[in-house]
Amino acid sequence: MALTAALGLPLIDDTMTANVVRDLNALAEDIDSKVMPRKGGVLDAGMIDVTDGTRILRIGSDANDPWIGTPTNHDFRFITNNQVRGRVTASGSFVWLDRILTSRAGMQIGQDSMAAKNFHLVSDDVSTKPALRVYNGNYGTGTRMFGIDTSGHIMIGSQTEAWNTEGWSKVVDIYRTGNLNLTLRTDQSQGVLAVHDSGFYGCNPGLIIGTATAQELSFVVGKTRRAAFGTDGSFTVTTGAMGVSTSQDAYVFLNAGNIPLNGWRNKAIINSVNDAYGGAGLIFRATRPSDNALIDIKLNWNKGGGDIMTESHIVKSTAAPSGGFDGQIWIQYS
């Protein structure tokens, strides 16, 4: 049977037996099943295709969901006011094409009569480097909350671009007037990295590193705790893990840059395994950088049943105490 090209309706041909009533009824039912109602009603069809011969727009439903899109290898576009606003590409990505309401392209999440409940994601060009930003408030006029620019710099706060006067390859720039705090915490411990202009933990303005809970602050190198501030205020430096023996000296090193290189610029306090007293000494050392000359003062807790000595230069007095003091130390030059 021959059919019409558009709707597939039957055409009468010379092989058909004439029955006017039957044929008219069949034609009416065929048209009724294939033509969309003009007003209201239900279109009883699984899928409808609109095509120009190459691209297809398909509207319909299957056994699971209603859907709209294209079965061909083409983008699906969204249009308002005769302008393309966005599209889903044939590869599956979503692109927002046009600029809406402001000079920035973006999407608003949480449209509400209260501006404070709204957030919007925009492609923002307010600085020298375009950035992807999150704003709050009214679309396009809210406060900048978060951003990442085309160089990968991350911004938290209201700044227009990452502060990078030194030219770092990547910057995480967190800004807030007055003070800000980065808190790392568990149910029992709270670590603090903060900067402030006044008034926290009794500190002067500046950077704070430490704990807000009563746990120690440790310094780790190579996955080993090398130093720690205890909860009692003590400071411990170790060459290995706390309480573990090593063959290294424990140094506290001080450098005074205003002393010339040919002076005794460097000072060190050393708990040394090479103090000549079997580890019972404490070395105070001065170093001259120009020739690496050393001057050592050694305190010894091993010789003379607990006497404190520095090689042969400072010795405990053998005379009776004088002047009302409990003990005396003589400085000996020979």
C-alpha atoms as a PDB file:
ATOM      1  CA  MET A   1       0.000   0.000   0.000  1.00  0.00           C
ATOM      2  CA  ALA A   2       1.288   3.425  -0.894  1.00  0.00           C
ATOM      3  CA  LEU A   3       1.647   5.986   1.962  1.00  0.00           C
ATOM      4  CA  THR A   4       1.928   9.760   2.208  1.00  0.00           C
ATOM      5  CA  ALA A   5       5.473  11.070   2.807  1.00  0.00           C
ATOM      6  CA  ALA A   6       4.781  13.233   5.891  1.00  0.00           C
ATOM      7  CA  LEU A   7       2.304  11.279   8.060  1.00  0.00           C
ATOM      8  CA  GLY A   8       2.306   7.863   6.395  1.00  0.00           C
ATOM      9  CA  LEU A   9      -1.411   7.942   5.601  1.00  0.00           C
ATOM     10  CA  PRO A  10      -2.736   5.326   3.138  1.00  0.00           C
ATOM     11  CA  LEU A  11      -3.255   6.266  -0.493  1.00  0.00           C
ATOM     12  CA  ILE A  12      -6.026   4.701  -2.544  1.00  0.00           C
ATOM     13  CA  ASP A  13      -4.662   2.803  -5.510  1.00  0.00           C
ATOM     14  CA  ASP A  14      -6.138   0.647  -8.214  1.00  0.00           C
ATOM     15  CA  THR A  15      -5.699  -2.560  -6.225  1.00  0.00           C
ATOM     16  CA  MET A  16      -8.161  -1.508  -3.517  1.00  0.00           C
ATOM     17  CA  THR A  17     -11.805  -2.553  -3.510  1.00  0.00           C
ATOM     18  CA  ALA A  18     -14.089   0.455  -3.445  1.00  0.00           C
ATOM     19  CA  ASN A  19     -15.928   0.937  -0.117  1.00  0.00           C
ATOM     20  CA  VAL A  20     -16.400   4.615   0.523  1.00  0.00           C
ATOM     21  CA  VAL A  21     -17.658   4.319   4.118  1.00  0.00           C
ATOM     22  CA  ARG A  22     -14.942   1.901   5.148  1.00  0.00           C
ATOM     23  CA  ASP A  23     -12.148   3.870   3.499  1.00  0.00           C
ATOM     24  CA  LEU A  24     -13.253   7.219   4.920  1.00  0.00           C
ATOM     25  CA  ASN A  25     -13.526   5.758   8.431  1.00  0.00           C
ATOM     26  CA  ALA A  26     -10.085   4.152   8.163  1.00  0.00           C
ATOM     27  CA  LEU A  27      -8.590   7.414   6.918  1.00  0.00           C
ATOM     28  CA  ALA A  28     -10.186   9.369   9.784  1.00  0.00           C
ATOM     29  CA  GLU A  29      -8.878   6.943  12.399  1.00  0.00           C
ATOM     30  CA  ASP A  30      -5.396   6.980  10.855  1.00  0.00           C
ATOM     31  CA  ILE A  31      -5.280  10.767  10.869  1.00  0.00           C
ATOM     32  CA  ASP A  32      -6.636  10.888  14.454  1.00  0.00           C
ATOM     33  CA  SER A  33      -3.813   8.629  15.649  1.00  0.00           C
ATOM     34  CA  LYS A  34      -1.015  10.593  13.987  1.00  0.00           C
ATOM     35  CA  VAL A  35      -1.924  14.293  14.131  1.00  0.00           C
ATOM     36  CA  MET A  36      -1.169  16.309  17.316  1.00  0.00           C
ATOM     37  CA  PRO A  37      -4.275  17.785  18.951  1.00  0.00           C
ATOM     38  CA  ARG A  38      -4.698  21.487  18.348  1.00  0.00           C
ATOM     39  CA  LYS A  39      -5.817  22.279  21.919  1.00  0.00           C
ATOM     40  CA  GLY A  40      -5.413  20.045  24.954  1.00  0.00           C
ATOM     41  CA  GLY A  41      -5.672  16.310  24.750  1.00  0.00           C
ATOM     42  CA  VAL A  42      -2.999  13.636  24.774  1.00  0.00           C
ATOM     43  CA  LEU A  43      -0.664  12.747  21.963  1.00  0.00           C
ATOM     44  CA  ASP A  44      -0.613   8.980  21.890  1.00  0.00           C
ATOM     45  CA  ALA A  45       2.843   8.472  20.416  1.00  0.00           C
ATOM     46  CA  GLY A  46       6.083   7.168  21.888  1.00  0.00           C
ATOM     47  CA  MET A  47       8.420   9.580  20.081  1.00  0.00           C
ATOM     48  CA  ILE A  48       8.084  12.589  17.807  1.00  0.00           C
ATOM     49  CA  ASP A  49      10.951  13.569  15.510  1.00  0.00           C
ATOM     50  CA  VAL A  50      11.393  17.027  14.003  1.00  0.00           C
ATOM     51  CA  THR A  51      14.090  16.993  11.347  1.00  0.00           C
ATOM     52  CA  ASP A  52      15.600  18.994   8.537  1.00  0.00           C
ATOM     53  CA  GLY A  53      16.841  15.798   6.949  1.00  0.00           C
ATOM     54  CA  THR A  54      20.122  15.755   8.910  1.00  0.00           C
ATOM     55  CA  ARG A  55      19.535  16.975  12.477  1.00  0.00           C
ATOM     56  CA  ILE A  56      16.719  15.539  14.569  1.00  0.00           C
ATOM     57  CA  LEU A  57      14.901  16.936  17.588  1.00  0.00           C
ATOM     58  CA  ARG A  58      13.208  14.088  19.421  1.00  0.00           C
ATOM     59  CA  ILE A  59      10.478  14.527  22.041  1.00  0.00           C
ATOM     60  CA  GLY A  60       8.783  11.630  23.738  1.00  0.00           C
ATOM     61  CA  SER A  61       9.030   8.998  26.402  1.00  0.00           C
ATOM     62  CA  ASP A  62      10.144   5.423  26.831  1.00  0.00           C
ATOM     63  CA  ALA A  63       9.296   2.827  29.439  1.00  0.00           C
ATOM     64  CA  ASN A  64      11.239   4.737  32.111  1.00  0.00           C
ATOM     65  CA  ASP A  65      11.245   8.518  31.604  1.00  0.00           C
ATOM     66  CA  PRO A  66      10.059  11.332  29.393  1.00  0.00           C
ATOM     67  CA  TRP A  67      12.882  12.983  27.508  1.00  0.00           C
ATOM     68  CA  ILE A  68      13.860  15.620  25.000  1.00  0.00           C
ATOM     69  CA  GLY A  69      17.011  15.845  22.933  1.00  0.00           C
ATOM     70  CA  THR A  70      18.654  14.704  19.755  1.00  0.00           C
ATOM     71  CA  PRO A  71      19.491  11.155  18.629  1.00  0.00           C
ATOM     72  CA  THR A  72      21.960  12.528  16.081  1.00  0.00           C
ATOM     73  CA  ASN A  73      25.569  13.634  16.643  1.00  0.00           C
ATOM     74  CA  HIS A  74      24.700  17.290  17.203  1.00  0.00           C
ATOM     75  CA  ASP A  75      24.568  19.751  20.096  1.00  0.00           C
ATOM     76  CA  PHE A  76      21.296  20.462  21.898  1.00  0.00           C
ATOM     77  CA  ARG A  77      20.786  24.190  22.431  1.00  0.00           C
ATOM     78  CA  PHE A  78      18.698  26.313  24.796  1.00  0.00           C
ATOM     79  CA  ILE A  79      17.162  29.492  23.398  1.00  0.00           C
ATOM     80  CA  THR A  80      15.391  32.464  24.974  1.00  0.00           C
ATOM     81  CA  ASN A  81      14.536  35.782  23.345  1.00  0.00           C
ATOM     82  CA  ASN A  82      15.830  34.290  20.105  1.00  0.00           C
ATOM     83  CA  GLN A  83      19.337  34.003  21.570  1.00  0.00           C
ATOM     84  CA  VAL A  84      21.283  30.853  22.335  1.00  0.00           C
ATOM     85  CA  ARG A  85      21.886  30.739  26.115  1.00  0.00           C
ATOM     86  CA  GLY A  86      23.467  27.349  26.562  1.00  0.00           C
ATOM     87  CA  ARG A  87      23.956  23.937  25.062  1.00  0.00           C
ATOM     88  CA  VAL A  88      24.670  20.308  25.798  1.00  0.00           C
ATOM     89  CA  THR A  89      27.344  19.207  23.360  1.00  0.00           C
ATOM     90  CA  ALA A  90      27.329  15.937  21.459  1.00  0.00           C
ATOM     91  CA  SER A  91      30.181  14.770  23.716  1.00  0.00           C
ATOM     92  CA  GLY A  92      28.056  15.353  26.838  1.00  0.00           C
ATOM     93  CA  SER A  93      29.519  18.577  28.266  1.00  0.00           C
ATOM     94  CA  PHE A  94      27.310  21.471  29.363  1.00  0.00           C
ATOM     95  CA  VAL A  95      28.247  24.978  28.197  1.00  0.00           C
ATOM     96  CA  TRP A  96      26.593  28.228  29.199  1.00  0.00           C
ATOM     97  CA  LEU A  97      27.086  30.441  26.208  1.00  0.00           C
ATOM     98  CA  ASP A  98      25.534  33.803  26.708  1.00  0.00           C
ATOM     99  CA  ARG A  99      25.685  36.524  29.354  1.00  0.00           C
ATOM    100  CA  ILE A 100      22.543  37.011  31.378  1.00  0.00           C
ATOM    101  CA  LEU A 101      21.445  39.934  33.559  1.00  0.00           C
ATOM    102  CA  THR A 102      24.981  41.280  33.992  1.00  0.00           C
ATOM    103  CA  SER A 103      28.266  41.426  32.100  1.00  0.00           C
ATOM    104  CA  ARG A 104      29.230  38.037  33.546  1.00  0.00           C
ATOM    105  CA  ALA A 105      28.276  34.620  32.220  1.00  0.00           C
ATOM    106  CA  GLY A 106      27.002  32.353  34.937  1.00  0.00           C
ATOM    107  CA  MET A 107      24.364  30.323  36.693  1.00  0.00           C
ATOM    108  CA  GLN A 108      22.421  31.156  39.827  1.00  0.00           C
ATOM    109  CA  ILE A 109      21.676  28.514  42.463  1.00  0.00           C
ATOM    110  CA  GLY A 110      18.939  29.014  45.034  1.00  0.00           C
ATOM    111  CA  GLN A 111      16.854  31.809  43.543  1.00  0.00           C
ATOM    112  CA  ASP A 112      15.054  33.317  46.503  1.00  0.00           C
ATOM    113  CA  SER A 113      13.431  36.594  47.453  1.00  0.00           C
ATOM    114  CA  MET A 114      16.123  36.901  50.148  1.00  0.00           C
ATOM    115  CA  ALA A 115      19.387  37.710  48.390  1.00  0.00           C
ATOM    116  CA  ALA A 116      21.466  36.229  51.223  1.00  0.00           C
ATOM    117  CA  LYS A 117      20.155  32.765  50.303  1.00  0.00           C
ATOM    118  CA  ASN A 118      21.408  32.942  46.725  1.00  0.00           C
ATOM    119  CA  PHE A 119      24.722  31.860  45.272  1.00  0.00           C
ATOM    120  CA  HIS A 120      25.934  32.173  41.741  1.00  0.00           C
ATOM    121  CA  LEU A 121      28.756  30.668  39.740  1.00  0.00           C
ATOM    122  CA  VAL A 122      30.206  33.044  37.169  1.00  0.00           C
ATOM    123  CA  SER A 123      32.979  33.383  34.631  1.00  0.00           C
ATOM    124  CA  ASP A 124      34.364  36.630  35.987  1.00  0.00           C
ATOM    125  CA  ASP A 125      36.629  39.138  34.232  1.00  0.00           C
ATOM    126  CA  VAL A 126      36.873  41.835  36.922  1.00  0.00           C
ATOM    127  CA  SER A 127      40.661  41.438  37.329  1.00  0.00           C
ATOM    128  CA  THR A 128      43.670  41.060  35.039  1.00  0.00           C
ATOM    129  CA  LYS A 129      43.140  37.297  34.974  1.00  0.00           C
ATOM    130  CA  PRO A 130      39.644  35.921  34.327  1.00  0.00           C
ATOM    131  CA  ALA A 131      38.445  33.648  37.090  1.00  0.00           C
ATOM    132  CA  LEU A 132      35.722  31.182  37.923  1.00  0.00           C
ATOM    133  CA  ARG A 133      34.054  32.601  41.037  1.00  0.00           C
ATOM    134  CA  VAL A 134      31.325  31.923  43.549  1.00  0.00           C
ATOM    135  CA  TYR A 135      29.318  34.972  44.660  1.00  0.00           C
ATOM    136  CA  ASN A 136      26.563  35.314  47.237  1.00  0.00           C
ATOM    137  CA  GLY A 137      23.662  37.737  47.256  1.00  0.00           C
ATOM    138  CA  ASN A 138      21.933  39.170  44.189  1.00  0.00           C
ATOM    139  CA  TYR A 139      23.161  37.795  40.895  1.00  0.00           C
ATOM    140  CA  GLY A 140      26.157  39.727  39.596  1.00  0.00           C
ATOM    141  CA  THR A 141      26.184  42.210  42.500  1.00  0.00           C
ATOM    142  CA  GLY A 142      26.920  39.979  45.491  1.00  0.00           C
ATOM    143  CA  THR A 143      30.126  39.487  47.451  1.00  0.00           C
ATOM    144  CA  ARG A 144      32.967  37.419  46.006  1.00  0.00           C
ATOM    145  CA  MET A 145      33.365  34.326  48.186  1.00  0.00           C
ATOM    146  CA  PHE A 146      35.711  31.981  46.290  1.00  0.00           C
ATOM    147  CA  GLY A 147      37.572  31.937  43.009  1.00  0.00           C
ATOM    148  CA  ILE A 148      40.210  30.218  40.894  1.00  0.00           C
ATOM    149  CA  ASP A 149      41.815  32.149  38.062  1.00  0.00           C
ATOM    150  CA  THR A 150      43.272  31.031  34.738  1.00  0.00           C
ATOM    151  CA  SER A 151      46.733  30.553  36.320  1.00  0.00           C
ATOM    152  CA  GLY A 152      45.362  28.212  38.997  1.00  0.00           C
ATOM    153  CA  HIS A 153      45.612  30.728  41.852  1.00  0.00           C
ATOM    154  CA  ILE A 154      42.923  30.162  44.517  1.00  0.00           C
ATOM    155  CA  MET A 155      41.198  33.067  46.261  1.00  0.00           C
ATOM    156  CA  ILE A 156      39.043  32.914  49.375  1.00  0.00           C
ATOM    157  CA  GLY A 157      37.519  36.270  50.249  1.00  0.00           C
ATOM    158  CA  SER A 158      36.452  39.409  48.421  1.00  0.00           C
ATOM    159  CA  GLN A 159      39.710  40.146  46.568  1.00  0.00           C
ATOM    160  CA  THR A 160      39.542  40.720  42.818  1.00  0.00           C
ATOM    161  CA  GLU A 161      42.671  38.687  42.146  1.00  0.00           C
ATOM    162  CA  ALA A 162      45.222  36.606  44.044  1.00  0.00           C
ATOM    163  CA  TRP A 163      47.940  38.603  45.806  1.00  0.00           C
ATOM    164  CA  ASN A 164      51.144  37.417  44.177  1.00  0.00           C
ATOM    165  CA  THR A 165      53.670  40.257  44.130  1.00  0.00           C
ATOM    166  CA  GLU A 166      56.563  37.762  44.269  1.00  0.00           C
ATOM    167  CA  GLY A 167      55.491  35.791  41.212  1.00  0.00           C
ATOM    168  CA  TRP A 168      54.791  32.359  42.740  1.00  0.00           C
ATOM    169  CA  SER A 169      53.581  29.757  40.251  1.00  0.00           C
ATOM    170  CA  LYS A 170      50.582  28.903  42.453  1.00  0.00           C
ATOM    171  CA  VAL A 171      49.041  30.954  45.276  1.00  0.00           C
ATOM    172  CA  VAL A 172      46.307  30.262  47.816  1.00  0.00           C
ATOM    173  CA  ASP A 173      45.288  33.759  48.902  1.00  0.00           C
ATOM    174  CA  ILE A 174      42.877  34.047  51.859  1.00  0.00           C
ATOM    175  CA  TYR A 175      41.802  37.576  52.746  1.00  0.00           C
ATOM    176  CA  ARG A 176      39.652  39.155  55.437  1.00  0.00           C
ATOM    177  CA  THR A 177      39.822  42.531  57.164  1.00  0.00           C
ATOM    178  CA  GLY A 178      41.045  42.347  60.786  1.00  0.00           C
ATOM    179  CA  ASN A 179      41.651  38.640  61.304  1.00  0.00           C
ATOM    180  CA  LEU A 180      41.192  35.187  59.837  1.00  0.00           C
ATOM    181  CA  ASN A 181      41.665  31.661  61.105  1.00  0.00           C
ATOM    182  CA  LEU A 182      42.352  28.324  59.413  1.00  0.00           C
ATOM    183  CA  THR A 183      41.211  25.607  61.830  1.00  0.00           C
ATOM    184  CA  LEU A 184      42.132  21.929  61.553  1.00  0.00           C
ATOM    185  CA  ARG A 185      40.308  19.851  64.136  1.00  0.00           C
ATOM    186  CA  THR A 186      39.117  16.489  65.339  1.00  0.00           C
ATOM    187  CA  ASP A 187      36.766  15.715  68.231  1.00  0.00           C
ATOM    188  CA  GLN A 188      39.652  16.225  70.692  1.00  0.00           C
ATOM    189  CA  SER A 189      42.321  18.376  69.020  1.00  0.00           C
ATOM    190  CA  GLN A 190      42.188  21.774  67.381  1.00  0.00           C
ATOM    191  CA  GLY A 191      45.089  23.193  65.415  1.00  0.00           C
ATOM    192  CA  VAL A 192      45.206  26.879  64.509  1.00  0.00           C
ATOM    193  CA  LEU A 193      46.911  28.809  61.723  1.00  0.00           C
ATOM    194  CA  ALA A 194      45.758  32.394  62.064  1.00  0.00           C
ATOM    195  CA  VAL A 195      46.688  35.987  61.331  1.00  0.00           C
ATOM    196  CA  HIS A 196      45.266  38.929  63.241  1.00  0.00           C
ATOM    197  CA  ASP A 197      45.634  42.625  63.885  1.00  0.00           C
ATOM    198  CA  SER A 198      44.957  42.328  67.626  1.00  0.00           C
ATOM    199  CA  GLY A 199      43.444  40.414  70.462  1.00  0.00           C
ATOM    200  CA  PHE A 200      43.838  36.620  70.232  1.00  0.00           C
ATOM    201  CA  TYR A 201      45.460  34.322  72.834  1.00  0.00           C
ATOM    202  CA  GLY A 202      47.396  37.250  74.305  1.00  0.00           C
ATOM    203  CA  CYS A 203      49.509  37.563  71.139  1.00  0.00           C
ATOM    204  CA  ASN A 204      50.749  40.710  69.461  1.00  0.00           C
ATOM    205  CA  PRO A 205      49.475  41.315  65.908  1.00  0.00           C
ATOM    206  CA  GLY A 206      50.884  38.831  63.432  1.00  0.00           C
ATOM    207  CA  LEU A 207      50.848  35.125  62.648  1.00  0.00           C
ATOM    208  CA  ILE A 208      49.728  32.465  65.115  1.00  0.00           C
ATOM    209  CA  ILE A 209      50.675  28.793  64.765  1.00  0.00           C
ATOM    210  CA  GLY A 210      49.650  26.355  67.438  1.00  0.00           C
ATOM    211  CA  THR A 211      46.841  24.542  69.188  1.00  0.00           C
ATOM    212  CA  ALA A 212      43.668  25.902  70.736  1.00  0.00           C
ATOM    213  CA  THR A 213      43.256  22.757  72.821  1.00  0.00           C
ATOM    214  CA  ALA A 214      45.617  21.439  75.501  1.00  0.00           C
ATOM    215  CA  GLN A 215      47.793  19.358  73.161  1.00  0.00           C
ATOM    216  CA  GLU A 216      51.436  19.919  72.302  1.00  0.00           C
ATOM    217  CA  LEU A 217      52.719  21.560  69.128  1.00  0.00           C
ATOM    218  CA  SER A 218      55.141  19.270  67.286  1.00  0.00           C
ATOM    219  CA  PHE A 219      57.599  19.917  64.460  1.00  0.00           C
ATOM    220  CA  VAL A 220      58.165  16.991  62.101  1.00  0.00           C
ATOM    221  CA  VAL A 221      60.960  16.437  59.560  1.00  0.00           C
ATOM    222  CA  GLY A 222      61.099  13.290  57.441  1.00  0.00           C
ATOM    223  CA  LYS A 223      58.042  11.882  59.243  1.00  0.00           C
ATOM    224  CA  THR A 224      59.923  12.126  62.562  1.00  0.00           C
ATOM    225  CA  ARG A 225      59.095  14.495  65.422  1.00  0.00           C
ATOM    226  CA  ARG A 226      62.201  16.659  65.866  1.00  0.00           C
ATOM    227  CA  ALA A 227      60.912  19.308  68.259  1.00  0.00           C
ATOM    228  CA  ALA A 228      57.870  20.002  70.394  1.00  0.00           C
ATOM    229  CA  PHE A 229      56.313  22.653  72.586  1.00  0.00           C
ATOM    230  CA  GLY A 230      54.772  20.802  75.526  1.00  0.00           C
ATOM    231  CA  THR A 231      51.549  21.738  77.276  1.00  0.00           C
ATOM    232  CA  ASP A 232      53.666  22.960  80.216  1.00  0.00           C
ATOM    233  CA  GLY A 233      55.492  25.483  78.002  1.00  0.00           C
ATOM    234  CA  SER A 234      58.704  23.476  77.661  1.00  0.00           C
ATOM    235  CA  PHE A 235      60.500  23.226  74.309  1.00  0.00           C
ATOM    236  CA  THR A 236      62.338  20.041  73.352  1.00  0.00           C
ATOM    237  CA  VAL A 237      64.719  19.517  70.419  1.00  0.00           C
ATOM    238  CA  THR A 238      65.800  16.008  69.476  1.00  0.00           C
ATOM    239  CA  THR A 239      67.909  14.435  66.738  1.00  0.00           C
ATOM    240  CA  GLY A 240      65.442  11.588  66.281  1.00  0.00           C
ATOM    241  CA  ALA A 241      62.097  10.514  67.584  1.00  0.00           C
ATOM    242  CA  MET A 242      61.454  11.571  71.163  1.00  0.00           C
ATOM    243  CA  GLY A 243      63.431   9.328  73.528  1.00  0.00           C
ATOM    244  CA  VAL A 244      65.178   7.395  70.737  1.00  0.00           C
ATOM    245  CA  SER A 245      68.987   7.303  70.807  1.00  0.00           C
ATOM    246  CA  THR A 246      70.964   8.532  67.766  1.00  0.00           C
ATOM    247  CA  SER A 247      74.615   9.345  67.049  1.00  0.00           C
ATOM    248  CA  GLN A 248      73.842  12.964  66.095  1.00  0.00           C
ATOM    249  CA  ASP A 249      74.436  16.142  68.075  1.00  0.00           C
ATOM    250  CA  ALA A 250      71.392  18.163  69.079  1.00  0.00           C
ATOM    251  CA  TYR A 251      71.891  21.810  68.037  1.00  0.00           C
ATOM    252  CA  VAL A 252      70.198  25.084  68.821  1.00  0.00           C
ATOM    253  CA  PHE A 253      71.787  27.414  66.256  1.00  0.00           C
ATOM    254  CA  LEU A 254      71.743  31.233  66.448  1.00  0.00           C
ATOM    255  CA  ASN A 255      72.927  33.525  63.676  1.00  0.00           C
ATOM    256  CA  ALA A 256      73.395  37.296  64.146  1.00  0.00           C
ATOM    257  CA  GLY A 257      73.537  38.734  60.646  1.00  0.00           C
ATOM    258  CA  ASN A 258      74.697  42.143  61.856  1.00  0.00           C
ATOM    259  CA  ILE A 259      78.032  40.625  63.019  1.00  0.00           C
ATOM    260  CA  PRO A 260      80.603  40.601  60.147  1.00  0.00           C
ATOM    261  CA  LEU A 261      81.847  37.336  58.664  1.00  0.00           C
ATOM    262  CA  ASN A 262      85.246  37.817  60.269  1.00  0.00           C
ATOM    263  CA  GLY A 263      83.565  38.112  63.681  1.00  0.00           C
ATOM    264  CA  TRP A 264      81.945  35.474  65.877  1.00  0.00           C
ATOM    265  CA  ARG A 265      78.645  35.632  64.031  1.00  0.00           C
ATOM    266  CA  ASN A 266      77.293  32.162  64.789  1.00  0.00           C
ATOM    267  CA  LYS A 267      76.532  30.767  68.231  1.00  0.00           C
ATOM    268  CA  ALA A 268      75.288  27.304  69.081  1.00  0.00           C
ATOM    269  CA  ILE A 269      74.159  25.358  72.125  1.00  0.00           C
ATOM    270  CA  ILE A 270      75.033  21.698  71.600  1.00  0.00           C
ATOM    271  CA  ASN A 271      74.096  18.520  73.414  1.00  0.00           C
ATOM    272  CA  SER A 272      76.938  16.528  71.905  1.00  0.00           C
ATOM    273  CA  VAL A 273      78.032  12.904  71.798  1.00  0.00           C
ATOM    274  CA  ASN A 274      81.544  14.254  71.127  1.00  0.00           C
ATOM    275  CA  ASP A 275      81.975  16.540  74.139  1.00  0.00           C
ATOM    276  CA  ALA A 276      85.013  14.549  75.447  1.00  0.00           C
ATOM    277  CA  TYR A 277      83.052  13.778  78.614  1.00  0.00           C
ATOM    278  CA  GLY A 278      81.124  10.781  77.365  1.00  0.00           C
ATOM    279  CA  GLY A 279      78.028  12.823  76.661  1.00  0.00           C
ATOM    280  CA  ALA A 280      77.974  14.430  80.120  1.00  0.00           C
ATOM    281  CA  GLY A 281      78.834  17.882  78.766  1.00  0.00           C
ATOM    282  CA  LEU A 282      76.996  20.808  77.226  1.00  0.00           C
ATOM    283  CA  ILE A 283      78.854  22.874  74.638  1.00  0.00           C
ATOM    284  CA  PHE A 284      78.419  26.593  74.012  1.00  0.00           C
ATOM    285  CA  ARG A 285      80.139  27.253  70.679  1.00  0.00           C
ATOM    286  CA  ALA A 286      81.019  30.418  68.746  1.00  0.00           C
ATOM    287  CA  THR A 287      81.940  30.145  65.063  1.00  0.00           C
ATOM    288  CA  ARG A 288      83.707  32.671  62.823  1.00  0.00           C
ATOM    289  CA  PRO A 289      82.437  32.178  59.225  1.00  0.00           C
ATOM    290  CA  SER A 290      85.508  33.704  57.529  1.00  0.00           C
ATOM    291  CA  ASP A 291      87.752  30.780  58.541  1.00  0.00           C
ATOM    292  CA  ASN A 292      85.337  28.483  60.437  1.00  0.00           C
ATOM    293  CA  ALA A 293      87.336  28.995  63.655  1.00  0.00           C
ATOM    294  CA  LEU A 294      85.672  27.670  66.795  1.00  0.00           C
ATOM    295  CA  ILE A 295      85.588  28.682  70.454  1.00  0.00           C
ATOM    296  CA  ASP A 296      83.984  26.180  72.819  1.00  0.00           C
ATOM    297  CA  ILE A 297      82.906  26.435  76.421  1.00  0.00           C
ATOM    298  CA  LYS A 298      82.051  23.035  77.843  1.00  0.00           C
ATOM    299  CA  LEU A 299      80.063  22.389  80.995  1.00  0.00           C
ATOM    300  CA  ASN A 300      80.757  18.952  82.465  1.00  0.00           C
ATOM    301  CA  TRP A 301      78.520  17.030  84.854  1.00  0.00           C
ATOM    302  CA  ASN A 302      80.785  13.980  84.964  1.00  0.00           C
ATOM    303  CA  LYS A 303      84.131  14.949  86.476  1.00  0.00           C
ATOM    304  CA  GLY A 304      84.847  15.429  90.176  1.00  0.00           C
ATOM    305  CA  GLY A 305      81.625  13.892  91.422  1.00  0.00           C
ATOM    306  CA  GLY A 306      79.358  16.437  89.796  1.00  0.00           C
ATOM    307  CA  ASP A 307      81.704  19.416  89.488  1.00  0.00           C
ATOM    308  CA  ILE A 308      80.884  21.892  86.735  1.00  0.00           C
ATOM    309  CA  MET A 309      83.931  22.537  84.563  1.00  0.00           C
ATOM    310  CA  THR A 310      84.794  24.004  81.195  1.00  0.00           C
ATOM    311  CA  GLU A 311      87.920  22.164  80.149  1.00  0.00           C
ATOM    312  CA  SER A 312      90.569  23.779  82.445  1.00  0.00           C
ATOM    313  CA  HIS A 313      89.384  27.375  82.452  1.00  0.00           C
ATOM    314  CA  ILE A 314      86.550  27.430  84.997  1.00  0.00           C
ATOM    315  CA  VAL A 315      86.878  25.286  88.136  1.00  0.00           C
ATOM    316  CA  LYS A 316      84.949  24.912  91.335  1.00  0.00           C
ATOM    317  CA  SER A 317      86.547  26.733  94.289  1.00  0.00           C
ATOM    318  CA  THR A 318      88.246  24.491  96.854  1.00  0.00           C
ATOM    319  CA  ALA A 319      88.223  27.218  99.502  1.00  0.00           C
ATOM    320  CA  ALA A 320      85.535  27.784 102.051  1.00  0.00           C
ATOM    321  CA  PRO A 321      82.648  29.987 100.912  1.00  0.00           C
ATOM    322  CA  SER A 322      83.119  33.702 101.548  1.00  0.00           C
ATOM    323  CA  GLY A 323      80.926  36.735 101.377  1.00  0.00           C
ATOM    324  CA  GLY A 324      77.874  34.838 102.586  1.00  0.00           C
ATOM    325  CA  PHE A 325      77.435  32.881  99.329  1.00  0.00           C
ATOM    326  CA  ASP A 326      76.613  29.171  99.299  1.00  0.00           C
ATOM    327  CA  GLY A 327      79.336  28.433  96.722  1.00  0.00           C
ATOM    328  CA  GLN A 328      81.943  30.012  94.473  1.00  0.00           C
ATOM    329  CA  ILE A 329      83.307  29.496  90.961  1.00  0.00           C
ATOM    330  CA  TRP A 330      86.777  30.732  90.095  1.00  0.00           C
ATOM    331  CA  ILE A 331      87.840  31.818  86.614  1.00  0.00           C
ATOM    332  CA  GLN A 332      91.353  30.510  86.108  1.00  0.00           C
ATOM    333  CA  TYR A 333      93.690  31.752  83.371  1.00  0.00           C
ATOM    334  CA  SER A 334      96.659  29.417  83.834  1.00  0.00           C
END
